[in-house]
Amino acid sequence: MSNRLNAGDRKEEGRFSLVVGGPFNSAMTRLGLTAADQLPTHRAAIGLAMLAWLVPAMFVILQSVFDSHYSGWSYFTDSMAYTRYLIAILVLIATERYADSRTLMLVDQFRDARIVSDDSLSGFTSALDAADRRSSSRIAELSILTAAIVWSTITAQFSVEHLGSSWMGAQVDNQVVLSWAGEAARLFSNSLFLFLVMRWIWRFFVWAMLLYRISQLPLQLTPQNSDRAAGLGFLSIYPSVFTGLVFAMSCVVASAFLHELDITQYQSSAVWFALALWLVIILILFIGPLLVFYPMLYRVREQALLDYGSLTNQHHLAFNHKWVDEENNGADMVGTTDPSTATDLNACMQAVRDMHLIPVDFPAVMQLVIAAGLPMLTVVVREVPLTEILKWFLGVIF
């Protein structure tokens, strides 16, 4: 039977899944929000996002009707509400299916490519089981939910006190009094958003810990591999697992940037520095887990330079002795494989020299840059007129 089973079968047979499992996933399954593979459907993602945005909107309308002193219509023009409740929640749930298939593909590759030897399979399986338990831990999810509600309460008060969010509430006698919509957002919409973000961050740490445990196993690496990572080049696929999280977080950060620029004037250099810093943080954070393979790849490359260097040198000495030192002419070399062998050894040696010590490539980096940078274009357009951007773009092309 193929080991690429659906998520439900994997759970029944103790197979690894970074996404499936946990109380929230079980609740969604009971509510009919998951497919047969126990992964959320796109319709469920859209429904939850719409619900998260509509609940505060409903209370804004109700309180505006029954309380003449309250005016929360700014909710419908609040970009932070749209990015948090509609875009971020939609993306965080909708990308679970994609993330699950990618992590399963990466895990299978360790076995299929025989990077994990037969002697190391038990340790590999143990690492997968531990990661599976952590990713679907009830204690972890309940802790995340508690932290999300507490943090939602703090940020709700901060929004009223410092950001002047009128739809969330008002300050009365130096005390923050949340509106009906503010309470709904604190208890449901914002808590759901923070819970999903924190749960994805927890999954990221679980994945990072799994990579670390795998890096401690005696892997079968081939330094002359054409992927220039001794057979681990496929791990450059890994950052794409978390591009949904990166995109969602960047949307929220971009909307916070825009809101801050509406109430405070900053120099353009400070804005550009903040945007660059955000991209650097994302790259360091999500490429960082691959550094666990650096010591192993360094040792493999170092040993390969010695082994292949010695083998190549011995061959070339013999080649020179046979074809250069002796009195031979070019015709004697016809039909012999000696020159071809020398070329092959030189190619192997060059492949060893070109080995990457971190299994990541340019396309993987660009995926993160695009996911993190695309939402930031709204801030760029705010700082640089769109006409100027178009002139620059047309100037580069033509």
Protein backbone atom coordinates (compact mmCIF):
# COMPACT_ATOMS: atom_id res chain seq x y z
CA MET A 1 0.00 0.00 0.00
CA SER A 2 1.29 3.49 -0.85
CA ASN A 3 2.58 5.49 2.12
CA ARG A 4 1.00 8.64 0.66
CA LEU A 5 -2.33 8.15 2.39
CA ASN A 6 -4.83 10.84 3.21
CA ALA A 7 -4.64 12.65 6.53
CA GLY A 8 -7.42 10.65 8.15
CA ASP A 9 -5.75 7.33 7.32
CA ARG A 10 -2.42 8.68 8.51
CA LYS A 11 -3.90 9.50 11.91
CA GLU A 12 -5.54 6.09 12.18
CA GLU A 13 -2.27 4.36 11.37
CA GLY A 14 -0.10 6.70 13.45
CA ARG A 15 1.21 8.51 10.36
CA PHE A 16 2.75 11.95 10.62
CA SER A 17 0.74 15.11 9.97
CA LEU A 18 1.72 18.59 11.03
CA VAL A 19 -1.82 19.89 10.48
CA VAL A 20 -4.38 17.20 11.31
CA GLY A 21 -5.26 16.62 14.94
CA GLY A 22 -5.98 18.56 18.08
CA PRO A 23 -9.22 19.82 19.67
CA PHE A 24 -9.81 22.59 17.12
CA ASN A 25 -9.49 20.21 14.19
CA SER A 26 -11.80 17.74 15.93
CA ALA A 27 -14.36 20.49 16.54
CA MET A 28 -14.26 21.49 12.88
CA THR A 29 -14.74 17.86 11.87
CA ARG A 30 -17.81 17.55 14.13
CA LEU A 31 -19.22 20.73 12.60
CA GLY A 32 -18.75 19.32 9.11
CA LEU A 33 -16.09 21.89 8.20
CA THR A 34 -13.53 19.33 7.06
CA ALA A 35 -13.41 16.93 4.14
CA ALA A 36 -12.93 13.16 4.35
CA ASP A 37 -9.19 13.69 4.89
CA GLN A 38 -9.94 15.75 8.04
CA LEU A 39 -8.52 18.88 6.46
CA PRO A 40 -10.56 22.12 6.28
CA THR A 41 -12.37 22.83 3.04
CA HIS A 42 -11.99 26.16 1.25
CA ARG A 43 -15.69 26.76 1.89
CA ALA A 44 -15.06 26.34 5.61
CA ALA A 45 -12.16 28.81 5.47
CA ILE A 46 -14.33 31.39 3.74
CA GLY A 47 -17.22 30.76 6.15
CA LEU A 48 -15.10 31.17 9.30
CA ALA A 49 -13.46 34.32 7.94
CA MET A 50 -16.82 35.83 7.06
CA LEU A 51 -18.22 34.88 10.46
CA ALA A 52 -15.26 36.47 12.26
CA TRP A 53 -15.82 39.74 10.40
CA LEU A 54 -19.64 39.69 10.51
CA VAL A 55 -20.05 39.11 14.26
CA PRO A 56 -18.55 42.49 15.28
CA ALA A 57 -20.29 44.13 12.30
CA MET A 58 -23.64 42.87 13.55
CA PHE A 59 -23.03 44.27 17.03
CA VAL A 60 -21.88 47.59 15.56
CA ILE A 61 -25.23 47.89 13.80
CA LEU A 62 -27.26 46.75 16.83
CA GLN A 63 -25.59 49.10 19.31
CA SER A 64 -25.74 52.01 16.86
CA VAL A 65 -29.49 51.46 16.60
CA PHE A 66 -30.18 51.13 20.34
CA ASP A 67 -27.51 53.49 21.73
CA SER A 68 -27.59 57.02 20.34
CA HIS A 69 -24.27 57.86 22.04
CA TYR A 70 -22.42 55.12 20.18
CA SER A 71 -21.10 55.38 16.64
CA GLY A 72 -19.10 52.43 15.42
CA TRP A 73 -19.47 52.84 11.67
CA SER A 74 -15.68 53.22 11.40
CA TYR A 75 -15.58 49.42 11.66
CA PHE A 76 -16.60 49.19 8.02
CA THR A 77 -13.59 51.27 6.94
CA ASP A 78 -11.09 49.75 9.40
CA SER A 79 -8.41 48.06 7.27
CA MET A 80 -7.04 46.22 10.31
CA ALA A 81 -10.39 44.52 10.85
CA TYR A 82 -10.48 43.38 7.22
CA THR A 83 -6.90 42.06 7.24
CA ARG A 84 -7.23 40.27 10.59
CA TYR A 85 -10.69 38.76 10.33
CA LEU A 86 -11.17 38.29 6.59
CA ILE A 87 -7.78 37.92 4.90
CA ALA A 88 -5.62 36.45 7.66
CA ILE A 89 -8.16 33.91 8.97
CA LEU A 90 -9.06 32.87 5.41
CA VAL A 91 -5.40 32.31 4.46
CA LEU A 92 -4.40 30.59 7.71
CA ILE A 93 -7.17 28.00 7.33
CA ALA A 94 -7.17 27.65 3.54
CA THR A 95 -3.43 26.86 3.34
CA GLU A 96 -3.62 23.91 5.77
CA ARG A 97 -4.32 21.42 2.99
CA TYR A 98 -1.35 22.66 0.94
CA ALA A 99 0.94 22.66 3.99
CA ASP A 100 -0.06 19.11 4.92
CA SER A 101 0.71 17.73 1.45
CA ARG A 102 4.09 19.50 1.35
CA THR A 103 5.22 18.29 4.78
CA LEU A 104 4.15 14.74 3.94
CA MET A 105 6.12 14.93 0.69
CA LEU A 106 9.24 16.14 2.53
CA VAL A 107 8.98 13.46 5.20
CA ASP A 108 8.45 10.73 2.59
CA GLN A 109 11.51 11.92 0.67
CA PHE A 110 13.82 11.11 3.57
CA ARG A 111 12.68 7.48 3.30
CA ASP A 112 12.13 7.21 -0.46
CA ALA A 113 15.59 8.61 -1.28
CA ARG A 114 17.12 6.36 1.40
CA ILE A 115 18.68 9.37 3.09
CA VAL A 116 17.59 7.72 6.33
CA SER A 117 19.32 4.36 6.47
CA ASP A 118 17.58 1.19 7.59
CA ASP A 119 19.46 1.37 10.88
CA SER A 120 18.17 4.91 11.50
CA LEU A 121 14.52 4.24 10.62
CA SER A 122 13.50 3.62 14.23
CA GLY A 123 14.99 6.96 15.32
CA PHE A 124 13.35 8.68 12.35
CA THR A 125 9.96 7.15 13.16
CA SER A 126 10.36 8.16 16.81
CA ALA A 127 11.05 11.76 15.78
CA LEU A 128 7.94 11.79 13.57
CA ASP A 129 5.78 10.36 16.34
CA ALA A 130 7.02 12.99 18.80
CA ALA A 131 6.34 15.79 16.29
CA ASP A 132 2.89 14.39 15.56
CA ARG A 133 2.00 14.32 19.26
CA ARG A 134 3.25 17.88 19.77
CA SER A 135 1.43 19.29 16.74
CA SER A 136 -1.92 17.84 17.89
CA SER A 137 -1.37 18.24 21.64
CA ARG A 138 -4.49 19.15 23.62
CA ILE A 139 -2.40 20.89 26.25
CA ALA A 140 -0.63 22.96 23.61
CA GLU A 141 -3.87 24.04 21.93
CA LEU A 142 -5.59 24.88 25.23
CA SER A 143 -2.54 26.91 26.26
CA ILE A 144 -2.60 28.69 22.90
CA LEU A 145 -6.32 29.41 23.26
CA THR A 146 -5.82 30.83 26.75
CA ALA A 147 -2.93 33.00 25.56
CA ALA A 148 -5.01 34.18 22.59
CA ILE A 149 -7.92 35.30 24.79
CA VAL A 150 -5.62 37.06 27.27
CA TRP A 151 -3.68 38.77 24.50
CA SER A 152 -6.93 39.70 22.74
CA THR A 153 -8.13 41.44 25.93
CA ILE A 154 -4.88 43.39 26.22
CA THR A 155 -4.87 44.45 22.57
CA ALA A 156 -8.54 45.47 22.73
CA GLN A 157 -7.79 47.91 25.53
CA PHE A 158 -4.68 49.12 23.69
CA SER A 159 -6.73 49.76 20.55
CA VAL A 160 -9.11 52.01 22.45
CA GLU A 161 -6.49 53.79 24.57
CA HIS A 162 -3.74 54.41 22.01
CA LEU A 163 -5.19 53.83 18.56
CA GLY A 164 -8.51 55.54 19.22
CA SER A 165 -10.58 52.69 17.79
CA SER A 166 -14.05 54.17 18.25
CA TRP A 167 -15.95 51.08 17.15
CA MET A 168 -14.27 48.96 19.85
CA GLY A 169 -15.18 51.24 22.72
CA ALA A 170 -14.35 54.46 24.54
CA GLN A 171 -12.58 55.78 27.59
CA VAL A 172 -14.91 56.77 30.40
CA ASP A 173 -13.33 58.31 33.53
CA ASN A 174 -9.93 57.01 32.39
CA GLN A 175 -11.34 53.49 32.13
CA VAL A 176 -11.70 51.56 28.88
CA VAL A 177 -15.28 50.51 28.24
CA LEU A 178 -15.62 48.13 25.32
CA SER A 179 -18.59 48.38 23.00
CA TRP A 180 -20.72 45.39 22.10
CA ALA A 181 -18.65 44.95 18.96
CA GLY A 182 -15.46 45.36 20.99
CA GLU A 183 -16.51 42.58 23.35
CA ALA A 184 -17.48 40.36 20.42
CA ALA A 185 -14.13 40.98 18.76
CA ARG A 186 -12.24 40.39 22.01
CA LEU A 187 -13.97 37.13 22.81
CA PHE A 188 -14.44 35.69 19.33
CA SER A 189 -13.02 37.38 16.21
CA ASN A 190 -9.69 38.61 17.53
CA SER A 191 -9.25 35.54 19.74
CA LEU A 192 -9.83 33.28 16.72
CA PHE A 193 -7.30 35.25 14.67
CA LEU A 194 -4.65 35.13 17.41
CA PHE A 195 -5.35 31.45 18.11
CA LEU A 196 -4.80 30.53 14.45
CA VAL A 197 -1.59 32.59 14.25
CA MET A 198 -0.19 31.12 17.48
CA ARG A 199 -1.17 27.61 16.42
CA TRP A 200 0.74 28.06 13.15
CA ILE A 201 3.73 29.42 15.07
CA TRP A 202 3.56 26.35 17.32
CA ARG A 203 3.54 24.12 14.22
CA PHE A 204 6.58 25.99 12.95
CA PHE A 205 8.49 25.25 16.17
CA VAL A 206 7.37 21.60 16.03
CA TRP A 207 8.69 21.37 12.46
CA ALA A 208 11.97 23.06 13.49
CA MET A 209 12.38 20.57 16.35
CA LEU A 210 11.69 17.70 13.93
CA LEU A 211 14.39 18.93 11.54
CA TYR A 212 16.82 19.16 14.46
CA ARG A 213 16.14 15.57 15.53
CA ILE A 214 16.55 14.36 11.95
CA SER A 215 19.85 16.23 11.67
CA GLN A 216 21.14 14.23 14.65
CA LEU A 217 20.59 10.92 12.84
CA PRO A 218 23.40 9.27 10.81
CA LEU A 219 22.02 10.25 7.40
CA GLN A 220 23.28 8.78 4.12
CA LEU A 221 24.49 11.86 2.27
CA THR A 222 26.22 11.94 -1.12
CA PRO A 223 28.51 14.97 -1.52
CA GLN A 224 28.64 14.72 -5.33
CA ASN A 225 24.83 14.91 -5.59
CA SER A 226 23.69 17.26 -8.36
CA ASP A 227 21.33 19.09 -5.98
CA ARG A 228 24.49 20.64 -4.43
CA ALA A 229 23.26 19.79 -0.94
CA ALA A 230 24.43 16.16 -0.61
CA GLY A 231 20.90 14.90 -1.27
CA LEU A 232 19.12 17.36 1.06
CA GLY A 233 18.31 19.84 -1.69
CA PHE A 234 14.63 18.87 -1.55
CA LEU A 235 14.41 20.68 1.81
CA SER A 236 14.43 23.96 -0.09
CA ILE A 237 10.73 23.17 -0.61
CA TYR A 238 10.11 23.53 3.13
CA PRO A 239 9.68 27.36 3.36
CA SER A 240 6.65 27.10 1.05
CA VAL A 241 4.83 25.24 3.86
CA PHE A 242 4.67 28.46 5.86
CA THR A 243 4.15 31.05 3.12
CA GLY A 244 0.48 31.24 4.13
CA LEU A 245 1.47 32.21 7.67
CA VAL A 246 4.04 34.70 6.35
CA PHE A 247 1.49 36.27 3.99
CA ALA A 248 -1.19 36.53 6.68
CA MET A 249 1.22 38.09 9.18
CA SER A 250 2.52 40.52 6.55
CA CYS A 251 -1.03 41.63 5.70
CA VAL A 252 -1.64 42.45 9.35
CA VAL A 253 1.73 44.19 9.73
CA ALA A 254 1.11 46.22 6.55
CA SER A 255 -2.31 47.37 7.76
CA ALA A 256 -0.76 48.33 11.12
CA PHE A 257 1.91 50.31 9.23
CA LEU A 258 -0.75 52.17 7.26
CA HIS A 259 -2.77 52.91 10.40
CA GLU A 260 0.31 54.23 12.16
CA LEU A 261 1.20 56.43 9.17
CA ASP A 262 -2.32 57.89 9.29
CA ILE A 263 -1.83 59.20 12.83
CA THR A 264 1.94 59.83 12.97
CA GLN A 265 4.39 61.29 10.49
CA TYR A 266 7.63 59.36 9.96
CA GLN A 267 10.60 60.04 7.76
CA SER A 268 10.68 57.93 4.62
CA SER A 269 14.03 56.45 5.64
CA ALA A 270 12.46 55.12 8.86
CA VAL A 271 9.62 53.50 6.92
CA TRP A 272 11.98 51.87 4.42
CA PHE A 273 14.17 50.62 7.27
CA ALA A 274 11.14 49.08 9.00
CA LEU A 275 10.05 47.33 5.80
CA ALA A 276 13.56 45.98 5.16
CA LEU A 277 13.83 44.85 8.77
CA TRP A 278 10.55 42.93 8.45
CA LEU A 279 11.81 41.07 5.37
CA VAL A 280 15.11 40.25 7.09
CA ILE A 281 13.29 38.94 10.18
CA ILE A 282 11.11 36.69 8.01
CA LEU A 283 14.09 35.28 6.10
CA ILE A 284 16.11 34.62 9.25
CA LEU A 285 13.17 33.10 11.09
CA PHE A 286 11.97 30.72 8.38
CA ILE A 287 15.30 29.76 6.83
CA GLY A 288 16.93 29.47 10.25
CA PRO A 289 15.72 25.89 10.98
CA LEU A 290 17.75 24.63 8.00
CA LEU A 291 20.93 25.72 9.81
CA VAL A 292 20.69 22.53 11.88
CA PHE A 293 22.10 20.69 8.85
CA TYR A 294 25.09 23.03 8.55
CA PRO A 295 27.47 21.03 10.82
CA MET A 296 26.61 17.78 9.05
CA LEU A 297 26.98 19.23 5.56
CA TYR A 298 30.22 20.95 6.57
CA ARG A 299 31.69 17.64 7.76
CA VAL A 300 30.50 15.82 4.65
CA ARG A 301 32.00 18.45 2.36
CA GLU A 302 35.26 18.57 4.30
CA GLN A 303 35.67 14.78 4.24
CA ALA A 304 34.68 14.63 0.56
CA LEU A 305 37.31 17.23 -0.32
CA LEU A 306 39.91 15.00 1.30
CA ASP A 307 38.62 11.71 -0.14
CA TYR A 308 37.89 12.90 -3.67
CA GLY A 309 40.99 15.09 -3.65
CA SER A 310 43.16 12.11 -2.80
CA LEU A 311 41.43 9.87 -5.36
CA THR A 312 41.62 12.52 -8.08
CA ASN A 313 45.27 13.28 -7.37
CA GLN A 314 46.23 9.59 -7.46
CA HIS A 315 44.42 9.17 -10.77
CA HIS A 316 46.01 12.25 -12.32
CA LEU A 317 49.49 11.16 -11.17
CA ALA A 318 48.95 7.79 -12.82
CA PHE A 319 47.53 9.52 -15.91
CA ASN A 320 50.57 11.80 -16.22
CA HIS A 321 52.94 8.90 -15.67
CA LYS A 322 51.21 6.82 -18.33
CA TRP A 323 50.49 9.45 -20.99
CA VAL A 324 52.84 12.36 -20.33
CA ASP A 325 56.02 11.02 -18.76
CA GLU A 326 56.14 8.01 -21.08
CA GLU A 327 56.84 8.49 -24.76
CA ASN A 328 53.32 8.19 -26.13
CA ASN A 329 51.52 10.10 -28.84
CA GLY A 330 47.92 11.18 -29.20
CA ALA A 331 47.07 8.19 -31.34
CA ASP A 332 47.76 5.83 -28.43
CA MET A 333 44.89 7.41 -26.48
CA VAL A 334 42.26 6.47 -29.08
CA GLY A 335 39.77 4.02 -27.57
CA THR A 336 40.96 4.45 -23.99
CA THR A 337 38.66 5.71 -21.25
CA ASP A 338 41.42 7.41 -19.24
CA PRO A 339 40.60 11.00 -20.36
CA SER A 340 36.90 10.41 -19.70
CA THR A 341 37.66 9.11 -16.21
CA ALA A 342 39.77 12.20 -15.51
CA THR A 343 36.90 14.43 -16.64
CA ASP A 344 34.40 12.56 -14.46
CA LEU A 345 36.65 12.84 -11.41
CA ASN A 346 37.12 16.56 -12.02
CA ALA A 347 33.31 16.97 -12.30
CA CYS A 348 32.81 15.10 -9.01
CA MET A 349 35.43 17.28 -7.35
CA GLN A 350 33.76 20.44 -8.65
CA ALA A 351 30.38 19.23 -7.39
CA VAL A 352 31.89 18.79 -3.91
CA ARG A 353 33.38 22.29 -4.04
CA ASP A 354 29.99 23.72 -5.06
CA MET A 355 28.11 22.05 -2.20
CA HIS A 356 25.75 24.31 -0.26
CA LEU A 357 26.16 24.12 3.49
CA ILE A 358 22.54 25.16 3.97
CA PRO A 359 19.94 23.25 1.90
CA VAL A 360 18.15 26.28 0.47
CA ASP A 361 18.09 27.89 -2.96
CA PHE A 362 17.09 31.17 -4.57
CA PRO A 363 13.49 30.13 -5.47
CA ALA A 364 12.86 29.20 -1.81
CA VAL A 365 14.12 32.60 -0.67
CA MET A 366 11.99 34.35 -3.29
CA GLN A 367 8.85 32.55 -2.11
CA LEU A 368 9.35 34.02 1.35
CA VAL A 369 10.23 37.46 -0.02
CA ILE A 370 7.11 37.53 -2.20
CA ALA A 371 4.83 36.28 0.59
CA ALA A 372 6.24 38.84 3.03
CA GLY A 373 6.70 41.68 0.55
CA LEU A 374 3.51 41.57 -1.49
CA PRO A 375 1.28 43.03 1.28
CA MET A 376 3.95 45.64 1.96
CA LEU A 377 3.40 47.11 -1.50
CA THR A 378 0.46 48.99 0.00
CA VAL A 379 2.91 50.79 2.29
CA VAL A 380 5.31 51.40 -0.61
CA VAL A 381 2.50 52.96 -2.67
CA ARG A 382 1.69 55.14 0.32
CA GLU A 383 5.28 56.40 0.49
CA VAL A 384 5.96 56.56 -3.25
CA PRO A 385 3.23 57.76 -5.65
CA LEU A 386 1.97 55.03 -7.94
CA THR A 387 2.80 57.13 -10.99
CA GLU A 388 6.45 57.28 -9.91
CA ILE A 389 6.52 53.48 -9.46
CA LEU A 390 5.05 52.98 -12.94
CA LYS A 391 7.61 55.38 -14.46
CA TRP A 392 10.44 53.49 -12.77
CA PHE A 393 9.02 50.12 -13.84
CA LEU A 394 8.57 51.22 -17.46
CA GLY A 395 12.06 52.72 -17.43
CA VAL A 396 13.54 49.40 -16.32
CA ILE A 397 11.69 47.47 -19.02
CA PHE A 398 12.17 49.87 -21.91
